[in-house]
Protein backbone atom coordinates (compact mmCIF):
# COMPACT_ATOMS: atom_id res chain seq x y z
CA MET A 1 119.68 147.37 104.27
CA LEU A 2 122.72 145.77 103.71
CA VAL A 3 122.22 142.61 105.88
CA GLN A 4 118.36 142.36 104.28
CA ASN A 5 119.91 142.95 100.56
CA ALA A 6 122.84 141.17 100.43
CA SER A 7 122.67 138.65 97.56
CA LEU A 8 125.23 136.02 99.11
CA LYS A 9 124.79 133.78 102.48
CA ASP A 10 126.85 131.14 104.30
CA PHE A 11 127.08 129.36 107.83
CA TRP A 12 129.32 128.49 110.47
CA SER A 13 129.41 127.28 113.79
CA ALA A 14 131.25 128.37 117.04
CA LYS A 15 130.74 124.63 118.61
CA VAL A 16 134.12 123.15 117.86
CA GLY A 17 134.06 120.07 115.15
CA GLN A 18 130.00 121.21 114.55
CA TYR A 19 130.06 121.35 110.57
CA VAL A 20 126.74 123.24 109.29
CA SER A 21 125.82 123.02 105.94
CA GLU A 22 126.40 125.92 103.19
CA THR A 23 122.93 126.26 102.07
CA ASP A 24 120.33 125.89 104.68
CA GLY A 25 122.25 126.20 107.85
CA SER A 26 121.21 122.72 108.85
CA TYR A 27 124.08 120.69 110.47
CA VAL A 28 126.19 118.04 109.19
CA SER A 29 128.48 115.26 110.09
CA GLY A 30 132.29 115.80 109.84
CA SER A 31 135.18 115.15 111.83
CA PHE A 32 137.85 117.32 113.56
CA PHE A 33 140.34 116.73 115.66
CA GLY A 34 142.07 120.18 116.74
CA THR A 35 141.97 122.68 119.40
CA GLN A 36 139.06 125.48 119.93
CA MET A 37 141.68 128.37 117.98
CA GLN A 38 141.95 125.94 115.29
CA TRP A 39 138.63 125.57 115.01
CA TYR A 40 138.12 129.15 115.17
CA GLN A 41 140.59 129.65 112.19
CA THR A 42 138.12 127.60 110.15
CA PHE A 43 136.16 131.02 110.35
CA VAL A 44 138.82 132.96 108.76
CA GLN A 45 138.68 130.44 105.89
CA LYS A 46 134.82 131.02 105.45
CA LEU A 47 135.55 134.77 105.73
CA THR A 48 138.09 134.08 102.77
CA LYS A 49 135.38 132.25 100.87
CA MET A 50 133.08 134.67 100.90
CA SER A 51 135.76 137.23 99.80
CA ASN A 52 136.32 135.36 97.12
CA ARG A 53 132.34 134.78 95.87
CA ILE A 54 131.98 138.55 96.18
CA TYR A 55 135.34 139.43 93.92
CA LYS A 56 133.96 136.49 91.46
CA ARG A 57 130.43 138.59 91.19
CA ASN A 58 131.89 141.86 91.01
CA LEU A 59 135.09 141.06 88.99
CA ARG A 60 137.03 143.87 90.45
CA ILE A 61 137.68 143.50 94.09
CA PRO A 62 137.52 141.28 96.96
CA ALA A 63 135.66 142.02 100.22
CA ASN A 64 137.76 144.22 102.67
CA PHE A 65 135.69 144.77 105.34
CA VAL A 66 133.76 143.17 107.95
CA VAL A 67 130.97 144.29 110.48
CA VAL A 68 130.60 142.15 113.54
CA SER A 69 128.90 142.21 116.84
CA PRO A 70 130.58 142.01 120.17
CA GLU A 71 130.23 138.35 120.40
CA VAL A 72 131.79 137.40 117.38
CA ALA A 73 134.54 139.89 117.76
CA THR A 74 135.44 137.76 120.93
CA ILE A 75 136.13 134.95 118.47
CA LEU A 76 138.22 137.33 116.17
CA GLU A 77 140.25 139.04 119.05
CA SER A 78 141.23 135.84 120.50
CA MET A 79 142.76 134.80 117.26
CA LYS A 80 146.29 136.51 118.02
CA ASP A 81 148.23 134.93 114.97
CA HIS A 82 145.46 136.38 112.72
CA PHE A 83 144.10 139.48 114.06
CA VAL A 84 145.66 142.95 114.64
CA ALA A 85 144.26 145.28 116.98
CA ASP A 86 143.99 149.05 115.94
CA GLY A 87 145.97 151.15 118.00
CA ALA A 88 143.13 154.08 117.64
CA LEU A 89 143.36 156.92 120.62
CA GLN A 90 140.83 157.08 123.04
CA ASN A 91 139.94 160.39 121.68
CA ASP A 92 138.80 158.68 118.22
CA LEU A 93 136.50 156.81 119.38
CA GLU A 94 134.82 159.51 121.19
CA TYR A 95 131.70 159.78 119.29
CA SER A 96 131.25 156.46 117.72
CA LEU A 97 127.95 155.50 118.48
CA GLY A 98 128.56 151.79 119.23
CA ILE A 99 130.93 151.55 116.08
CA THR A 100 134.22 151.37 116.35
CA LYS A 101 137.06 150.07 114.28
CA MET A 102 138.80 147.00 115.96
CA GLY A 103 141.76 146.43 113.45
CA THR A 104 142.32 144.24 110.62
CA LEU A 105 142.30 140.29 110.29
CA ALA A 106 144.94 138.30 108.15
CA ASN A 107 146.04 141.68 107.08
CA ARG A 108 142.83 141.37 104.64
CA TRP A 109 139.63 142.78 106.20
CA THR A 110 139.11 145.83 108.73
CA ILE A 111 137.15 144.89 111.16
CA TYR A 112 134.29 147.12 112.77
CA LYS A 113 132.47 145.97 115.70
CA ASN A 114 128.89 147.19 116.13
CA VAL A 115 127.26 146.81 119.32
CA ASN A 116 123.59 147.39 118.10
CA PHE A 117 124.50 144.33 115.28
CA ARG A 118 122.37 141.11 115.59
CA LYS A 119 124.92 138.80 117.49
CA ASP A 120 124.35 135.56 114.73
CA VAL A 121 125.60 137.78 111.55
CA VAL A 122 128.47 138.86 110.11
CA LEU A 123 128.25 141.30 107.61
CA VAL A 124 131.27 141.13 104.62
CA GLY A 125 131.55 143.97 102.14
CA ALA A 126 133.70 145.54 99.33
CA LYS A 127 134.27 148.93 99.26
CA GLY A 128 136.53 150.40 96.36
CA ASN A 129 138.00 153.95 95.44
CA SER A 130 135.59 154.61 92.85
CA PHE A 131 131.86 155.21 92.15
CA LEU A 132 131.76 152.14 90.26
CA ASP A 133 132.88 150.00 93.53
CA THR A 134 129.71 151.32 95.51
CA GLY A 135 127.23 148.55 96.54
CA ALA A 136 125.07 150.83 98.48
CA VAL A 137 124.50 154.62 98.57
CA PHE A 138 123.27 157.27 100.76
CA ALA A 139 122.50 160.53 99.24
CA PRO A 140 121.04 163.70 101.23
CA TYR A 141 118.96 165.98 99.12
CA ILE A 142 118.30 168.27 101.80
CA GLY A 143 121.32 169.17 103.96
CA LEU A 144 121.36 169.41 107.92
CA MET A 145 118.56 172.24 108.36
CA VAL A 146 118.89 173.14 112.28
CA SER A 147 116.22 175.78 113.60
CA ASP A 148 116.37 178.36 115.88
CA LYS A 149 116.80 178.16 119.55
CA ILE A 150 113.46 177.90 121.13
CA TYR A 151 112.48 177.17 124.58
CA ASP A 152 110.61 174.16 125.75
CA PRO A 153 107.57 175.69 127.82
CA ASP A 154 107.28 172.95 130.36
CA THR A 155 111.13 173.01 131.25
CA ALA A 156 112.10 176.58 130.43
CA GLU A 157 115.41 174.47 128.36
CA PRO A 158 116.63 175.77 125.35
CA ILE A 159 116.01 173.39 122.20
CA LYS A 160 117.23 173.09 118.76
CA PHE A 161 115.34 170.65 116.07
CA SER A 162 117.40 169.05 113.38
CA MET A 163 116.34 167.90 109.98
CA THR A 164 117.32 165.95 106.92
CA ARG A 165 116.22 164.25 104.09
CA GLY A 166 117.88 161.83 101.74
CA ALA A 167 117.62 158.04 99.79
CA LYS A 168 119.31 154.96 100.75
CA LYS A 169 119.74 152.66 97.82
CA MET A 170 121.48 149.14 97.47
CA VAL A 171 123.01 149.22 93.89
CA ARG A 172 124.83 146.21 93.89
CA ASN A 173 123.80 143.68 96.05
CA PHE A 174 126.43 141.54 95.19
CA MET A 175 129.14 143.46 96.86
CA TYR A 176 127.66 142.37 100.25
CA GLY A 177 127.75 138.59 101.89
CA ILE A 178 126.44 137.38 105.30
CA ILE A 179 127.55 134.87 107.34
CA TYR A 180 125.22 133.42 109.79
CA VAL A 181 127.11 131.87 113.25
CA ARG A 182 125.42 129.41 115.32
CA ASP A 183 126.00 128.08 118.42
CA LEU A 184 127.64 131.38 120.11
CA HIS A 185 126.21 130.75 123.71
CA LEU A 186 129.28 128.45 123.65
CA VAL A 187 131.86 131.21 123.26
């Protein structure tokens, strides 16, 4: 829902020196004379730009979280000058379901790594402290209902069913932006 409805889009290439058009993702000419790590810092510039575009649209807060795939997380984790790993204990990650808090980048964004996320997409978003700073809402209108224990007739194992109902709604799509990352096969 967040990726499909985000109103801001941008592009970046993981290939050193390969500039990408901000409008359509096509390759454009440019010159870069630096190292691979210096090129990865241009990704931080893209995040800063997206954060400021979100701030300009909502007039309240800049972006403060980023969701990435493990492929993009490789780029971020290699930037030792900007990235600070989270010192979470293994017990905190026991029920993460594939989404883990990696740490912070440039002391601005909380980075989340999602193993089920599209590998070429970076979700940049703003989350505030009040309901006015909300971009998307999940509102369960029927709480979690759990059935009584029943036995499976084939295996004789006890089973419980659970059910809930809720609504998901994007209320402010300008609180989210997407950065498409090209040439990830080179990382």
